[in-house]
Structure formats: structure tokens, C-alpha cells
């Protein structure tokens, strides 16, 4: 893997371990994405559509807010949001905070599609989590949360 630091940056043990974490994260993402595609197909969604709908299940958000929450590009979220609206799975609402940046929210059909994933999603997560100690999963989640915070701090520092 190409170093993520600048030229001449010294290698550290922690940096080497993080590189391995990154590589495993890519592998996990690929596996989770493949599983999501299998789960979403019967309800007429894709993994990407599920991801965007999932971001607005609790409250409507503008496309830029969804993109930030999911670490996706605004353009890719806009394309998916427009498709969801075209398919009747989501709708745009006026945004009182911004005239042009409408809010996206699921329609009843969108909520129903996500609800249709519940059984398959629980079966998948139960099957996979049965092979890992719950305490290890909690530790992994905590480490992931700290890494996300570190990435956000790094982005602010560089920005």
C-alpha cells in the first residue's frame, strides 16, 4: 500500500497496524456490500439506495447532509436521491433553512422497502455476529468510532 503520509514520513508500528486495519476495512466493506446487494434485491433496492434511505429514516436531510453523514460525494448522493424519488421511494420537501437545498425523506413505499429488509438483515447480522464475541464487537465499534473522530479532526486540521 502506498503511504498515506507525506514523502519521507517515518514508519511507526501504529502506522503499520493502521495500514492493516485499513486493508481489512476494505475487505469488510466489500463483503458487507455484497451481502447488502443480496439482501436488497428481493425488496427492489440496491445497497446504495438502502444506504441513502437509511440516512433519512429518522429525519429528512439535504443531499449535502446525507453525503457528509455517509462520507460520500454530494454528486453520488444526488444521483441516488433523484433515482429514489423517480422510483417513488423518497420525496423532496421544502427546506426552511435553504430554498434550493431540498430535504429528502422516504415515502411510505421507501419505509416499507426498508422494513422488508429487516428479517434478512437480522438473519445476516446474527449469523456473522455468532462467530465473534460480543465484547470484541463492542471493542471494535469503539475503536471505529475513535478512528472516525481522528479522521474528522485530521480533515479539520488540513482544511
Protein backbone atom coordinates (compact mmCIF):
# COMPACT_ATOMS: atom_id res chain seq x y z
CA UNK A 1 0.00 0.00 0.00
CA UNK A 2 1.26 3.50 -0.78
CA UNK A 3 1.98 5.51 2.36
CA UNK A 4 -0.82 7.89 3.32
CA UNK A 5 1.63 10.39 4.84
CA UNK A 6 3.96 12.72 3.06
CA UNK A 7 7.24 11.76 1.42
CA UNK A 8 9.90 10.87 3.94
CA UNK A 9 7.46 10.22 6.77
CA UNK A 10 8.96 7.70 9.21
CA UNK A 11 7.20 4.37 9.61
CA UNK A 12 5.75 3.59 13.00
CA UNK A 13 4.33 0.41 14.47
CA UNK A 14 0.97 2.11 14.98
CA UNK A 15 1.02 3.35 11.39
CA UNK A 16 1.77 -0.15 10.10
CA UNK A 17 -1.06 -1.60 12.18
CA UNK A 18 -3.45 1.09 10.96
CA UNK A 19 -2.47 0.23 7.38
CA UNK A 20 -3.52 -3.37 8.07
CA UNK A 21 -6.77 -2.13 9.64
CA UNK A 22 -7.44 -0.08 6.50
CA UNK A 23 -6.81 -3.07 4.24
CA UNK A 24 -9.14 -5.28 6.33
CA UNK A 25 -11.74 -2.50 6.32
CA UNK A 26 -11.68 -2.51 2.52
CA UNK A 27 -12.24 -6.29 2.60
CA UNK A 28 -15.06 -5.93 5.16
CA UNK A 29 -16.69 -3.19 3.11
CA UNK A 30 -16.61 -5.39 0.02
CA UNK A 31 -18.11 -8.32 1.90
CA UNK A 32 -20.79 -6.20 3.57
CA UNK A 33 -21.63 -4.56 0.25
CA UNK A 34 -22.01 -7.94 -1.46
CA UNK A 35 -24.25 -9.16 1.38
CA UNK A 36 -26.31 -5.95 1.20
CA UNK A 37 -26.86 -6.43 -2.54
CA UNK A 38 -28.22 -9.93 -1.86
CA UNK A 39 -30.50 -8.63 0.91
CA UNK A 40 -31.82 -5.63 -1.00
CA UNK A 41 -32.62 -7.30 -4.33
CA UNK A 42 -35.87 -9.00 -3.19
CA UNK A 43 -37.33 -5.67 -2.00
CA UNK A 44 -36.36 -3.74 -5.13
CA UNK A 45 -33.48 -1.77 -3.65
CA UNK A 46 -29.73 -1.70 -4.11
CA UNK A 47 -27.18 -1.40 -1.34
CA UNK A 48 -26.56 2.24 -2.31
CA UNK A 49 -30.28 3.04 -2.26
CA UNK A 50 -30.57 1.40 1.17
CA UNK A 51 -27.64 3.45 2.43
CA UNK A 52 -29.20 6.74 1.33
CA UNK A 53 -32.68 5.81 2.58
CA UNK A 54 -31.14 4.71 5.87
CA UNK A 55 -29.64 8.15 6.35
CA UNK A 56 -33.08 9.79 6.27
CA UNK A 57 -35.23 7.28 8.16
CA UNK A 58 -35.24 9.36 11.35
CA UNK A 59 -35.35 12.82 9.83
CA UNK A 60 -35.28 14.41 6.38
CA UNK A 61 -31.88 15.74 5.32
CA UNK A 62 -30.50 17.70 2.38
CA UNK A 63 -28.33 15.77 -0.05
CA UNK A 64 -25.23 17.50 1.30
CA UNK A 65 -26.10 16.35 4.84
CA UNK A 66 -26.55 12.76 3.68
CA UNK A 67 -23.23 12.92 1.86
CA UNK A 68 -21.45 14.22 4.97
CA UNK A 69 -23.09 11.61 7.24
CA UNK A 70 -22.15 8.76 4.90
CA UNK A 71 -18.76 10.10 3.72
CA UNK A 72 -19.98 10.03 0.12
CA UNK A 73 -19.75 12.65 -2.60
CA UNK A 74 -22.66 15.03 -2.89
CA UNK A 75 -22.94 14.19 -6.59
CA UNK A 76 -23.31 10.45 -5.98
CA UNK A 77 -25.93 11.02 -3.28
CA UNK A 78 -27.79 13.45 -5.57
CA UNK A 79 -27.90 10.84 -8.33
CA UNK A 80 -29.24 8.18 -5.93
CA UNK A 81 -31.71 10.59 -4.31
CA UNK A 82 -33.11 11.52 -7.73
CA UNK A 83 -33.48 7.81 -8.58
CA UNK A 84 -35.25 7.14 -5.28
CA UNK A 85 -37.66 9.99 -5.98
CA UNK A 86 -38.23 8.75 -9.55
CA UNK A 87 -39.00 5.25 -8.20
CA UNK A 88 -41.44 6.64 -5.62
CA UNK A 89 -39.27 5.52 -2.68
CA UNK A 90 -38.43 9.04 -1.48
CA UNK A 91 -39.63 12.59 -1.92
CA UNK A 92 -38.17 16.06 -1.75
CA UNK A 93 -39.57 18.53 0.76
CA UNK A 94 -39.05 22.27 1.08
CA UNK A 95 -36.15 23.15 3.36
CA UNK A 96 -36.96 26.08 5.62
CA UNK A 97 -33.23 26.65 6.19
CA UNK A 98 -32.30 26.77 2.49
CA UNK A 99 -34.54 27.49 -0.51
CA UNK A 100 -32.58 25.43 -3.06
CA UNK A 101 -31.32 22.52 -0.93
CA UNK A 102 -34.48 20.47 -0.55
CA UNK A 103 -34.83 17.82 2.13
CA UNK A 104 -35.07 14.14 1.22
CA UNK A 105 -37.33 11.75 3.11
CA UNK A 106 -38.62 8.25 2.38
CA UNK A 107 -42.16 7.81 1.15
CA UNK A 108 -44.33 5.10 2.68
CA UNK A 109 -43.05 2.81 -0.12
CA UNK A 110 -39.47 3.64 0.90
CA UNK A 111 -40.16 2.89 4.54
CA UNK A 112 -41.88 -0.36 3.52
CA UNK A 113 -38.89 -1.41 1.40
CA UNK A 114 -36.51 -0.83 4.31
CA UNK A 115 -38.87 -2.67 6.69
CA UNK A 116 -38.83 -5.53 4.17
CA UNK A 117 -35.08 -5.85 4.75
CA UNK A 118 -35.40 -6.33 8.50
CA UNK A 119 -35.64 -10.11 8.57
CA UNK A 120 -32.79 -10.66 6.11
CA UNK A 121 -30.63 -8.05 7.82
CA UNK A 122 -31.16 -9.59 11.26
CA UNK A 123 -30.51 -13.08 9.93
CA UNK A 124 -27.25 -11.89 8.37
CA UNK A 125 -26.03 -9.95 11.39
CA UNK A 126 -27.00 -12.77 13.77
CA UNK A 127 -25.17 -15.32 11.59
CA UNK A 128 -21.98 -13.26 11.39
CA UNK A 129 -22.01 -11.99 14.98
CA UNK A 130 -22.47 -15.52 16.34
CA UNK A 131 -18.85 -16.13 15.28
CA UNK A 132 -17.43 -13.17 17.21
CA UNK A 133 -17.58 -12.44 20.94
CA UNK A 134 -19.99 -9.53 21.63
CA UNK A 135 -17.33 -7.87 23.81
CA UNK A 136 -14.95 -7.92 20.84
CA UNK A 137 -17.64 -6.37 18.65
CA UNK A 138 -18.17 -3.60 21.22
CA UNK A 139 -14.40 -3.00 21.33
CA UNK A 140 -14.24 -2.90 17.53
CA UNK A 141 -17.11 -0.41 17.46
CA UNK A 142 -15.39 1.81 19.99
CA UNK A 143 -12.14 1.75 18.03
CA UNK A 144 -14.00 2.52 14.80
CA UNK A 145 -15.70 5.49 16.47
CA UNK A 146 -12.32 6.82 17.65
CA UNK A 147 -10.86 6.38 14.17
CA UNK A 148 -13.78 8.30 12.64
CA UNK A 149 -13.19 11.10 15.16
CA UNK A 150 -9.47 11.12 14.32
CA UNK A 151 -10.25 11.31 10.59
CA UNK A 152 -12.65 14.19 11.15
CA UNK A 153 -10.07 16.03 13.26
CA UNK A 154 -7.43 15.46 10.57
CA UNK A 155 -9.78 16.81 7.90
CA UNK A 156 -10.43 19.94 10.00
CA UNK A 157 -6.72 20.41 10.63
CA UNK A 158 -5.92 20.13 6.91
CA UNK A 159 -8.97 22.16 5.82
